[in-house]
Amino acid sequence: MSENSQHHVVSPKLYAAILGALLLGTYLTVQAAKIDLGRWNIVLALTIATIKMSLVILFFMHGKYSTRRTQLVIISGFFWLAIMLGLTLTDYTARKPEPSRSANPPAAVIHRA
């Protein structure tokens, strides 16, 4: 068997630990959604999502044990994700808060027959 065709065997205990970390990340996401952090809610949610995505790619998709070329493609994907998140957060933080529509509700129109 050549070096490139060998498969790395991952311990079921490691899979269980990663699954636990993903479940914890999901729990933290739900709890973070219940807390009003203002503009930081999106940053926290994206940070948790990025960590969870990294765990899935590295361990469940065996990115950690792949060839260097595959790892380069994965790193390129993370680089592109960083660019997109950076541009999104730049746009998000540059916006001015929109006045609340509920602060000045429109007058109710009453139709009488």
C-alpha atoms as a PDB file:
ATOM      1  CA  MET A   1       0.000   0.000   0.000  1.00  0.00           C
ATOM      2  CA  SER A   2       1.401   3.399  -0.916  1.00  0.00           C
ATOM      3  CA  GLU A   3       1.657   6.285   1.523  1.00  0.00           C
ATOM      4  CA  ASN A   4      -1.200   8.233  -0.106  1.00  0.00           C
ATOM      5  CA  SER A   5      -3.689   5.357   0.057  1.00  0.00           C
ATOM      6  CA  GLN A   6      -3.322   4.653   3.779  1.00  0.00           C
ATOM      7  CA  HIS A   7      -6.241   5.654   5.963  1.00  0.00           C
ATOM      8  CA  HIS A   8      -5.888   7.073   9.426  1.00  0.00           C
ATOM      9  CA  VAL A   9      -7.978   5.289  12.042  1.00  0.00           C
ATOM     10  CA  VAL A  10      -9.660   7.620  14.501  1.00  0.00           C
ATOM     11  CA  SER A  11     -10.631   6.431  17.967  1.00  0.00           C
ATOM     12  CA  PRO A  12     -14.356   6.248  18.744  1.00  0.00           C
ATOM     13  CA  LYS A  13     -13.560   8.123  21.972  1.00  0.00           C
ATOM     14  CA  LEU A  14     -12.271  11.051  19.909  1.00  0.00           C
ATOM     15  CA  TYR A  15     -15.437  11.003  17.801  1.00  0.00           C
ATOM     16  CA  ALA A  16     -17.515  11.018  20.995  1.00  0.00           C
ATOM     17  CA  ALA A  17     -15.509  13.962  22.360  1.00  0.00           C
ATOM     18  CA  ILE A  18     -15.967  15.906  19.119  1.00  0.00           C
ATOM     19  CA  LEU A  19     -19.681  15.109  19.124  1.00  0.00           C
ATOM     20  CA  GLY A  20     -19.873  16.388  22.708  1.00  0.00           C
ATOM     21  CA  ALA A  21     -18.073  19.586  21.694  1.00  0.00           C
ATOM     22  CA  LEU A  22     -20.508  20.076  18.787  1.00  0.00           C
ATOM     23  CA  LEU A  23     -23.493  19.559  21.064  1.00  0.00           C
ATOM     24  CA  LEU A  24     -22.002  22.014  23.560  1.00  0.00           C
ATOM     25  CA  GLY A  25     -21.501  24.505  20.733  1.00  0.00           C
ATOM     26  CA  THR A  26     -25.138  24.103  19.717  1.00  0.00           C
ATOM     27  CA  TYR A  27     -26.252  24.650  23.327  1.00  0.00           C
ATOM     28  CA  LEU A  28     -24.067  27.766  23.573  1.00  0.00           C
ATOM     29  CA  THR A  29     -25.533  29.080  20.322  1.00  0.00           C
ATOM     30  CA  VAL A  30     -29.077  28.700  21.662  1.00  0.00           C
ATOM     31  CA  GLN A  31     -28.164  30.334  24.979  1.00  0.00           C
ATOM     32  CA  ALA A  32     -26.330  33.188  23.250  1.00  0.00           C
ATOM     33  CA  ALA A  33     -29.433  33.876  21.153  1.00  0.00           C
ATOM     34  CA  LYS A  34     -31.380  34.502  24.368  1.00  0.00           C
ATOM     35  CA  ILE A  35     -28.947  37.187  25.541  1.00  0.00           C
ATOM     36  CA  ASP A  36     -29.006  40.678  24.071  1.00  0.00           C
ATOM     37  CA  LEU A  37     -25.406  41.606  23.319  1.00  0.00           C
ATOM     38  CA  GLY A  38     -26.325  44.284  20.827  1.00  0.00           C
ATOM     39  CA  ARG A  39     -24.054  44.243  17.790  1.00  0.00           C
ATOM     40  CA  TRP A  40     -21.939  41.455  19.298  1.00  0.00           C
ATOM     41  CA  ASN A  41     -24.653  38.791  18.896  1.00  0.00           C
ATOM     42  CA  ILE A  42     -23.661  38.195  15.271  1.00  0.00           C
ATOM     43  CA  VAL A  43     -19.958  38.058  16.148  1.00  0.00           C
ATOM     44  CA  LEU A  44     -20.561  35.484  18.882  1.00  0.00           C
ATOM     45  CA  ALA A  45     -22.847  33.373  16.681  1.00  0.00           C
ATOM     46  CA  LEU A  46     -20.366  33.364  13.785  1.00  0.00           C
ATOM     47  CA  THR A  47     -17.472  32.522  16.121  1.00  0.00           C
ATOM     48  CA  ILE A  48     -19.305  29.512  17.552  1.00  0.00           C
ATOM     49  CA  ALA A  49     -20.365  28.411  14.052  1.00  0.00           C
ATOM     50  CA  THR A  50     -16.789  28.692  12.761  1.00  0.00           C
ATOM     51  CA  ILE A  51     -15.449  26.583  15.634  1.00  0.00           C
ATOM     52  CA  LYS A  52     -18.095  23.929  15.024  1.00  0.00           C
ATOM     53  CA  MET A  53     -17.372  23.946  11.289  1.00  0.00           C
ATOM     54  CA  SER A  54     -13.663  23.524  11.997  1.00  0.00           C
ATOM     55  CA  LEU A  55     -14.289  20.481  14.189  1.00  0.00           C
ATOM     56  CA  VAL A  56     -16.454  18.846  11.526  1.00  0.00           C
ATOM     57  CA  ILE A  57     -13.918  19.479   8.751  1.00  0.00           C
ATOM     58  CA  LEU A  58     -10.858  18.458  10.763  1.00  0.00           C
ATOM     59  CA  PHE A  59     -12.198  15.308  12.388  1.00  0.00           C
ATOM     60  CA  PHE A  60     -15.400  14.012  10.789  1.00  0.00           C
ATOM     61  CA  MET A  61     -14.181  14.818   7.277  1.00  0.00           C
ATOM     62  CA  HIS A  62     -10.602  13.737   8.168  1.00  0.00           C
ATOM     63  CA  GLY A  63      -9.110  17.048   7.054  1.00  0.00           C
ATOM     64  CA  LYS A  64      -6.517  16.777   9.797  1.00  0.00           C
ATOM     65  CA  TYR A  65      -5.186  13.520   8.350  1.00  0.00           C
ATOM     66  CA  SER A  66      -5.445  14.412   4.641  1.00  0.00           C
ATOM     67  CA  THR A  67      -2.654  15.017   2.158  1.00  0.00           C
ATOM     68  CA  ARG A  68      -0.993  18.425   2.034  1.00  0.00           C
ATOM     69  CA  ARG A  69      -2.814  19.365  -1.154  1.00  0.00           C
ATOM     70  CA  THR A  70      -6.191  18.663   0.447  1.00  0.00           C
ATOM     71  CA  GLN A  71      -5.136  20.642   3.511  1.00  0.00           C
ATOM     72  CA  LEU A  72      -4.192  23.542   1.232  1.00  0.00           C
ATOM     73  CA  VAL A  73      -7.690  23.488  -0.271  1.00  0.00           C
ATOM     74  CA  ILE A  74      -9.200  23.468   3.232  1.00  0.00           C
ATOM     75  CA  ILE A  75      -6.996  26.367   4.351  1.00  0.00           C
ATOM     76  CA  SER A  76      -7.941  28.264   1.189  1.00  0.00           C
ATOM     77  CA  GLY A  77     -11.587  27.775   2.089  1.00  0.00           C
ATOM     78  CA  PHE A  78     -10.964  29.198   5.561  1.00  0.00           C
ATOM     79  CA  PHE A  79      -9.109  32.133   4.029  1.00  0.00           C
ATOM     80  CA  TRP A  80     -12.065  32.828   1.742  1.00  0.00           C
ATOM     81  CA  LEU A  81     -14.458  32.493   4.703  1.00  0.00           C
ATOM     82  CA  ALA A  82     -12.372  35.030   6.644  1.00  0.00           C
ATOM     83  CA  ILE A  83     -12.596  37.470   3.726  1.00  0.00           C
ATOM     84  CA  MET A  84     -16.368  37.056   3.451  1.00  0.00           C
ATOM     85  CA  LEU A  85     -16.939  37.359   7.224  1.00  0.00           C
ATOM     86  CA  GLY A  86     -14.646  40.381   7.388  1.00  0.00           C
ATOM     87  CA  LEU A  87     -16.538  42.134   4.608  1.00  0.00           C
ATOM     88  CA  THR A  88     -19.886  41.202   6.159  1.00  0.00           C
ATOM     89  CA  LEU A  89     -18.890  42.459   9.594  1.00  0.00           C
ATOM     90  CA  THR A  90     -17.441  45.640   8.115  1.00  0.00           C
ATOM     91  CA  ASP A  91     -20.753  46.339   6.410  1.00  0.00           C
ATOM     92  CA  TYR A  92     -22.691  45.380   9.541  1.00  0.00           C
ATOM     93  CA  THR A  93     -20.685  47.642  11.852  1.00  0.00           C
ATOM     94  CA  ALA A  94     -20.736  50.584   9.421  1.00  0.00           C
ATOM     95  CA  ARG A  95     -24.524  50.777   9.360  1.00  0.00           C
ATOM     96  CA  LYS A  96     -26.411  53.229  11.500  1.00  0.00           C
ATOM     97  CA  PRO A  97     -29.178  51.805  13.647  1.00  0.00           C
ATOM     98  CA  GLU A  98     -32.536  51.970  11.937  1.00  0.00           C
ATOM     99  CA  PRO A  99     -35.209  53.712  13.963  1.00  0.00           C
ATOM    100  CA  SER A 100     -37.564  51.218  15.476  1.00  0.00           C
ATOM    101  CA  ARG A 101     -40.844  50.938  13.660  1.00  0.00           C
ATOM    102  CA  SER A 102     -42.566  50.016  16.910  1.00  0.00           C
ATOM    103  CA  ALA A 103     -41.488  53.280  18.598  1.00  0.00           C
ATOM    104  CA  ASN A 104     -43.958  55.280  16.492  1.00  0.00           C
ATOM    105  CA  PRO A 105     -46.705  52.896  15.434  1.00  0.00           C
ATOM    106  CA  PRO A 106     -48.992  54.173  12.697  1.00  0.00           C
ATOM    107  CA  ALA A 107     -52.387  55.380  13.798  1.00  0.00           C
ATOM    108  CA  ALA A 108     -55.060  52.740  13.574  1.00  0.00           C
ATOM    109  CA  VAL A 109     -57.614  53.289  10.873  1.00  0.00           C
ATOM    110  CA  ILE A 110     -61.101  52.445  12.056  1.00  0.00           C
ATOM    111  CA  HIS A 111     -63.727  51.771   9.425  1.00  0.00           C
ATOM    112  CA  ARG A 112     -67.307  52.100  10.609  1.00  0.00           C
ATOM    113  CA  ALA A 113     -70.147  50.837   8.567  1.00  0.00           C
END
